[in-house]
């Protein structure tokens, strides 16, 4: 069983989403409503990365973001 993070979808502008975790099989479809309240929800995609190393080699350095004033540049990884 995997643990998934969900958040409520605010019905009013300025309303903060509430987050909660649910244990589900990876084969289960994502929830569309809160299991107790029925409020619409969406699954929050979280991610990370790790390194698997064999032998004595050091892991590769993590990718760096461009440092050009905070704007998007080529290769920044932003998806707008």
N, C-alpha and C. Protein backbone atom coordinates (compact mmCIF):
# COMPACT_ATOMS: atom_id res chain seq x y z
N UNK A 1 0.84 -1.18 0.00
CA UNK A 1 0.00 0.00 0.00
C UNK A 1 0.89 1.25 0.00
N UNK A 2 0.50 2.20 -0.78
CA UNK A 2 1.21 3.47 -0.86
C UNK A 2 0.41 4.54 -0.12
N UNK A 3 1.11 5.55 0.38
CA UNK A 3 0.44 6.67 1.03
C UNK A 3 0.45 7.85 0.08
N UNK A 4 -0.74 8.37 -0.22
CA UNK A 4 -0.89 9.49 -1.14
C UNK A 4 -1.35 10.72 -0.40
N UNK A 5 -0.88 11.87 -0.84
CA UNK A 5 -1.27 13.15 -0.28
C UNK A 5 -2.34 13.75 -1.16
N UNK A 6 -3.43 14.19 -0.54
CA UNK A 6 -4.53 14.83 -1.25
C UNK A 6 -4.77 16.20 -0.63
N UNK A 7 -5.41 17.09 -1.41
CA UNK A 7 -5.85 18.37 -0.88
C UNK A 7 -7.24 18.67 -1.40
N UNK A 8 -8.01 19.37 -0.56
CA UNK A 8 -9.34 19.78 -0.98
C UNK A 8 -9.22 20.88 -2.03
N UNK A 9 -10.20 20.96 -2.89
CA UNK A 9 -10.25 21.99 -3.91
C UNK A 9 -11.11 23.11 -3.36
N UNK A 10 -10.53 24.29 -3.09
CA UNK A 10 -11.30 25.38 -2.50
C UNK A 10 -12.49 25.78 -3.37
N UNK A 11 -13.63 26.02 -2.72
CA UNK A 11 -14.82 26.42 -3.46
C UNK A 11 -14.94 27.93 -3.57
N UNK A 12 -14.18 28.65 -2.71
CA UNK A 12 -14.21 30.12 -2.73
C UNK A 12 -12.79 30.65 -2.92
N UNK A 13 -12.67 31.75 -3.62
CA UNK A 13 -11.36 32.37 -3.82
C UNK A 13 -10.80 32.81 -2.47
N UNK A 14 -9.53 32.53 -2.25
CA UNK A 14 -8.89 32.89 -1.00
C UNK A 14 -8.97 31.81 0.06
N UNK A 15 -9.78 30.79 -0.17
CA UNK A 15 -9.92 29.68 0.78
C UNK A 15 -8.70 28.77 0.66
N UNK A 16 -8.15 28.36 1.78
CA UNK A 16 -6.98 27.50 1.80
C UNK A 16 -7.38 26.03 1.66
N UNK A 17 -6.67 25.27 0.82
CA UNK A 17 -6.96 23.83 0.72
C UNK A 17 -6.50 23.11 1.99
N UNK A 18 -7.22 22.07 2.35
CA UNK A 18 -6.86 21.22 3.49
C UNK A 18 -6.18 19.98 2.93
N UNK A 19 -5.10 19.54 3.54
CA UNK A 19 -4.39 18.36 3.06
C UNK A 19 -4.62 17.18 3.99
N UNK A 20 -4.57 15.98 3.42
CA UNK A 20 -4.70 14.75 4.19
C UNK A 20 -4.04 13.62 3.42
N UNK A 21 -3.73 12.55 4.11
CA UNK A 21 -3.08 11.39 3.50
C UNK A 21 -4.04 10.21 3.49
N UNK A 22 -3.92 9.38 2.46
CA UNK A 22 -4.73 8.18 2.32
C UNK A 22 -3.83 7.04 1.86
N UNK A 23 -3.98 5.89 2.49
CA UNK A 23 -3.26 4.70 2.03
C UNK A 23 -4.13 4.00 1.00
N UNK A 24 -3.56 3.79 -0.19
CA UNK A 24 -4.27 3.14 -1.29
C UNK A 24 -3.32 2.21 -2.02
N UNK A 25 -3.90 1.25 -2.70
CA UNK A 25 -3.12 0.41 -3.60
C UNK A 25 -2.73 1.27 -4.79
N UNK A 26 -1.59 0.97 -5.38
CA UNK A 26 -1.17 1.70 -6.57
C UNK A 26 -2.12 1.46 -7.74
N UNK A 27 -2.92 0.40 -7.66
CA UNK A 27 -3.88 0.08 -8.71
C UNK A 27 -5.18 0.87 -8.57
N UNK A 28 -5.43 1.45 -7.38
CA UNK A 28 -6.66 2.20 -7.15
C UNK A 28 -6.64 3.52 -7.91
N UNK A 29 -7.82 3.92 -8.38
CA UNK A 29 -7.95 5.22 -9.03
C UNK A 29 -7.81 6.32 -7.99
N UNK A 30 -7.30 7.49 -8.38
CA UNK A 30 -7.20 8.61 -7.44
C UNK A 30 -8.59 9.02 -6.93
N UNK A 31 -8.64 9.46 -5.68
CA UNK A 31 -9.90 9.94 -5.13
C UNK A 31 -10.32 11.23 -5.82
N UNK A 32 -11.62 11.46 -5.92
CA UNK A 32 -12.13 12.72 -6.46
C UNK A 32 -12.88 13.49 -5.39
N UNK A 33 -13.28 12.81 -4.30
CA UNK A 33 -13.94 13.47 -3.18
C UNK A 33 -13.35 12.96 -1.88
N UNK A 34 -13.43 13.78 -0.84
CA UNK A 34 -12.95 13.40 0.49
C UNK A 34 -13.80 12.23 0.99
N UNK A 35 -13.16 11.17 1.49
CA UNK A 35 -13.92 9.97 1.89
C UNK A 35 -14.93 10.21 3.02
N UNK A 36 -14.72 11.23 3.85
CA UNK A 36 -15.63 11.48 4.97
C UNK A 36 -16.59 12.63 4.73
N UNK A 37 -16.13 13.67 4.01
CA UNK A 37 -16.96 14.87 3.85
C UNK A 37 -17.59 15.01 2.47
N UNK A 38 -17.04 14.34 1.46
CA UNK A 38 -17.56 14.46 0.10
C UNK A 38 -17.08 15.69 -0.64
N UNK A 39 -16.22 16.49 -0.02
CA UNK A 39 -15.68 17.69 -0.66
C UNK A 39 -14.76 17.27 -1.80
N UNK A 40 -14.79 17.97 -2.95
CA UNK A 40 -13.89 17.63 -4.06
C UNK A 40 -12.42 17.73 -3.65
N UNK A 41 -11.62 16.76 -4.11
CA UNK A 41 -10.19 16.73 -3.78
C UNK A 41 -9.38 16.42 -5.02
N UNK A 42 -8.08 16.67 -4.93
CA UNK A 42 -7.14 16.29 -5.98
C UNK A 42 -5.91 15.69 -5.31
N UNK A 43 -5.27 14.77 -6.00
CA UNK A 43 -4.04 14.16 -5.49
C UNK A 43 -2.89 15.13 -5.73
N UNK A 44 -2.08 15.31 -4.70
CA UNK A 44 -0.92 16.19 -4.80
C UNK A 44 0.25 15.32 -5.23
N UNK A 45 0.87 15.71 -6.32
CA UNK A 45 2.01 14.96 -6.83
C UNK A 45 3.26 15.49 -6.14
N UNK A 46 3.89 14.63 -5.38
CA UNK A 46 5.14 14.99 -4.73
C UNK A 46 6.23 14.15 -5.35
N UNK A 47 7.42 14.59 -5.24
CA UNK A 47 8.49 13.82 -5.85
C UNK A 47 9.81 14.08 -5.18
N UNK A 48 10.68 13.26 -5.51
CA UNK A 48 12.02 13.37 -5.00
C UNK A 48 12.88 12.47 -5.86
N UNK A 49 14.11 12.44 -5.56
CA UNK A 49 14.97 11.55 -6.30
C UNK A 49 16.05 11.06 -5.37
N UNK A 50 16.57 9.95 -5.70
CA UNK A 50 17.65 9.37 -4.92
C UNK A 50 18.66 8.75 -5.85
N UNK A 51 19.73 8.32 -5.29
CA UNK A 51 20.77 7.71 -6.09
C UNK A 51 21.00 6.29 -5.63
N UNK A 52 21.20 5.41 -6.57
CA UNK A 52 21.59 4.05 -6.27
C UNK A 52 23.01 3.90 -6.77
N UNK A 53 23.87 3.49 -5.90
CA UNK A 53 25.28 3.42 -6.25
C UNK A 53 25.80 2.02 -5.99
N UNK A 54 26.57 1.53 -6.92
CA UNK A 54 27.23 0.24 -6.75
C UNK A 54 28.73 0.50 -6.65
N UNK A 55 29.37 -0.15 -5.73
CA UNK A 55 30.81 0.03 -5.59
C UNK A 55 31.15 1.31 -4.85
N UNK A 56 32.32 1.84 -5.13
CA UNK A 56 32.82 2.99 -4.39
C UNK A 56 32.67 4.31 -5.10
N UNK A 57 31.91 4.37 -6.19
CA UNK A 57 31.80 5.64 -6.90
C UNK A 57 30.88 6.60 -6.16
N UNK A 58 31.18 7.87 -6.25
CA UNK A 58 30.37 8.90 -5.60
C UNK A 58 29.15 9.18 -6.46
N UNK A 59 28.02 9.56 -5.84
CA UNK A 59 26.83 9.89 -6.61
C UNK A 59 27.03 11.16 -7.43
N UNK A 60 26.30 11.26 -8.51
CA UNK A 60 26.38 12.45 -9.36
C UNK A 60 25.78 13.64 -8.62
N UNK A 61 26.25 14.85 -8.89
CA UNK A 61 25.68 16.03 -8.23
C UNK A 61 24.25 16.27 -8.70
N UNK A 62 23.46 16.89 -7.84
CA UNK A 62 22.08 17.22 -8.18
C UNK A 62 22.06 18.30 -9.26
N UNK A 63 21.03 18.28 -10.13
CA UNK A 63 20.94 19.32 -11.16
C UNK A 63 20.80 20.69 -10.51
N UNK A 64 21.39 21.71 -11.13
CA UNK A 64 21.35 23.06 -10.60
C UNK A 64 20.38 23.90 -11.41
N UNK A 65 19.68 24.81 -10.73
CA UNK A 65 18.80 25.75 -11.42
C UNK A 65 19.61 26.95 -11.87
N UNK A 66 19.20 27.59 -12.95
CA UNK A 66 19.91 28.78 -13.39
C UNK A 66 19.84 29.87 -12.33
N UNK A 67 20.87 30.64 -12.19
CA UNK A 67 20.90 31.69 -11.18
C UNK A 67 20.74 33.07 -11.79
N UNK A 68 20.04 33.19 -12.90
CA UNK A 68 19.91 34.46 -13.61
C UNK A 68 18.67 35.22 -13.15
N UNK A 69 18.68 35.75 -11.95
CA UNK A 69 17.64 36.65 -11.50
C UNK A 69 16.30 36.00 -11.20
N UNK A 70 16.19 34.69 -11.13
CA UNK A 70 14.96 34.04 -10.74
C UNK A 70 13.96 33.83 -11.85
N UNK A 71 14.22 34.34 -13.06
CA UNK A 71 13.29 34.15 -14.15
C UNK A 71 13.48 32.79 -14.80
N UNK A 72 12.55 32.43 -15.65
CA UNK A 72 12.67 31.16 -16.36
C UNK A 72 13.68 31.33 -17.49
N UNK A 73 14.49 30.35 -17.63
CA UNK A 73 15.46 30.33 -18.71
C UNK A 73 15.46 28.95 -19.31
N UNK A 74 16.24 28.76 -20.32
CA UNK A 74 16.25 27.46 -20.96
C UNK A 74 16.79 26.42 -19.96
N UNK A 75 16.09 25.32 -19.86
CA UNK A 75 16.51 24.23 -19.00
C UNK A 75 16.16 24.42 -17.54
N UNK A 76 15.27 25.37 -17.19
CA UNK A 76 14.98 25.60 -15.78
C UNK A 76 14.05 24.55 -15.21
N UNK A 77 13.34 23.82 -16.06
CA UNK A 77 12.46 22.77 -15.57
C UNK A 77 11.06 23.26 -15.23
N UNK A 78 10.76 24.53 -15.42
CA UNK A 78 9.43 25.07 -15.13
C UNK A 78 8.44 24.58 -16.17
N UNK A 79 7.23 24.34 -15.74
CA UNK A 79 6.17 23.91 -16.66
C UNK A 79 5.02 24.89 -16.50
N UNK A 80 5.07 25.97 -17.28
CA UNK A 80 4.02 26.99 -17.17
C UNK A 80 2.99 26.78 -18.22
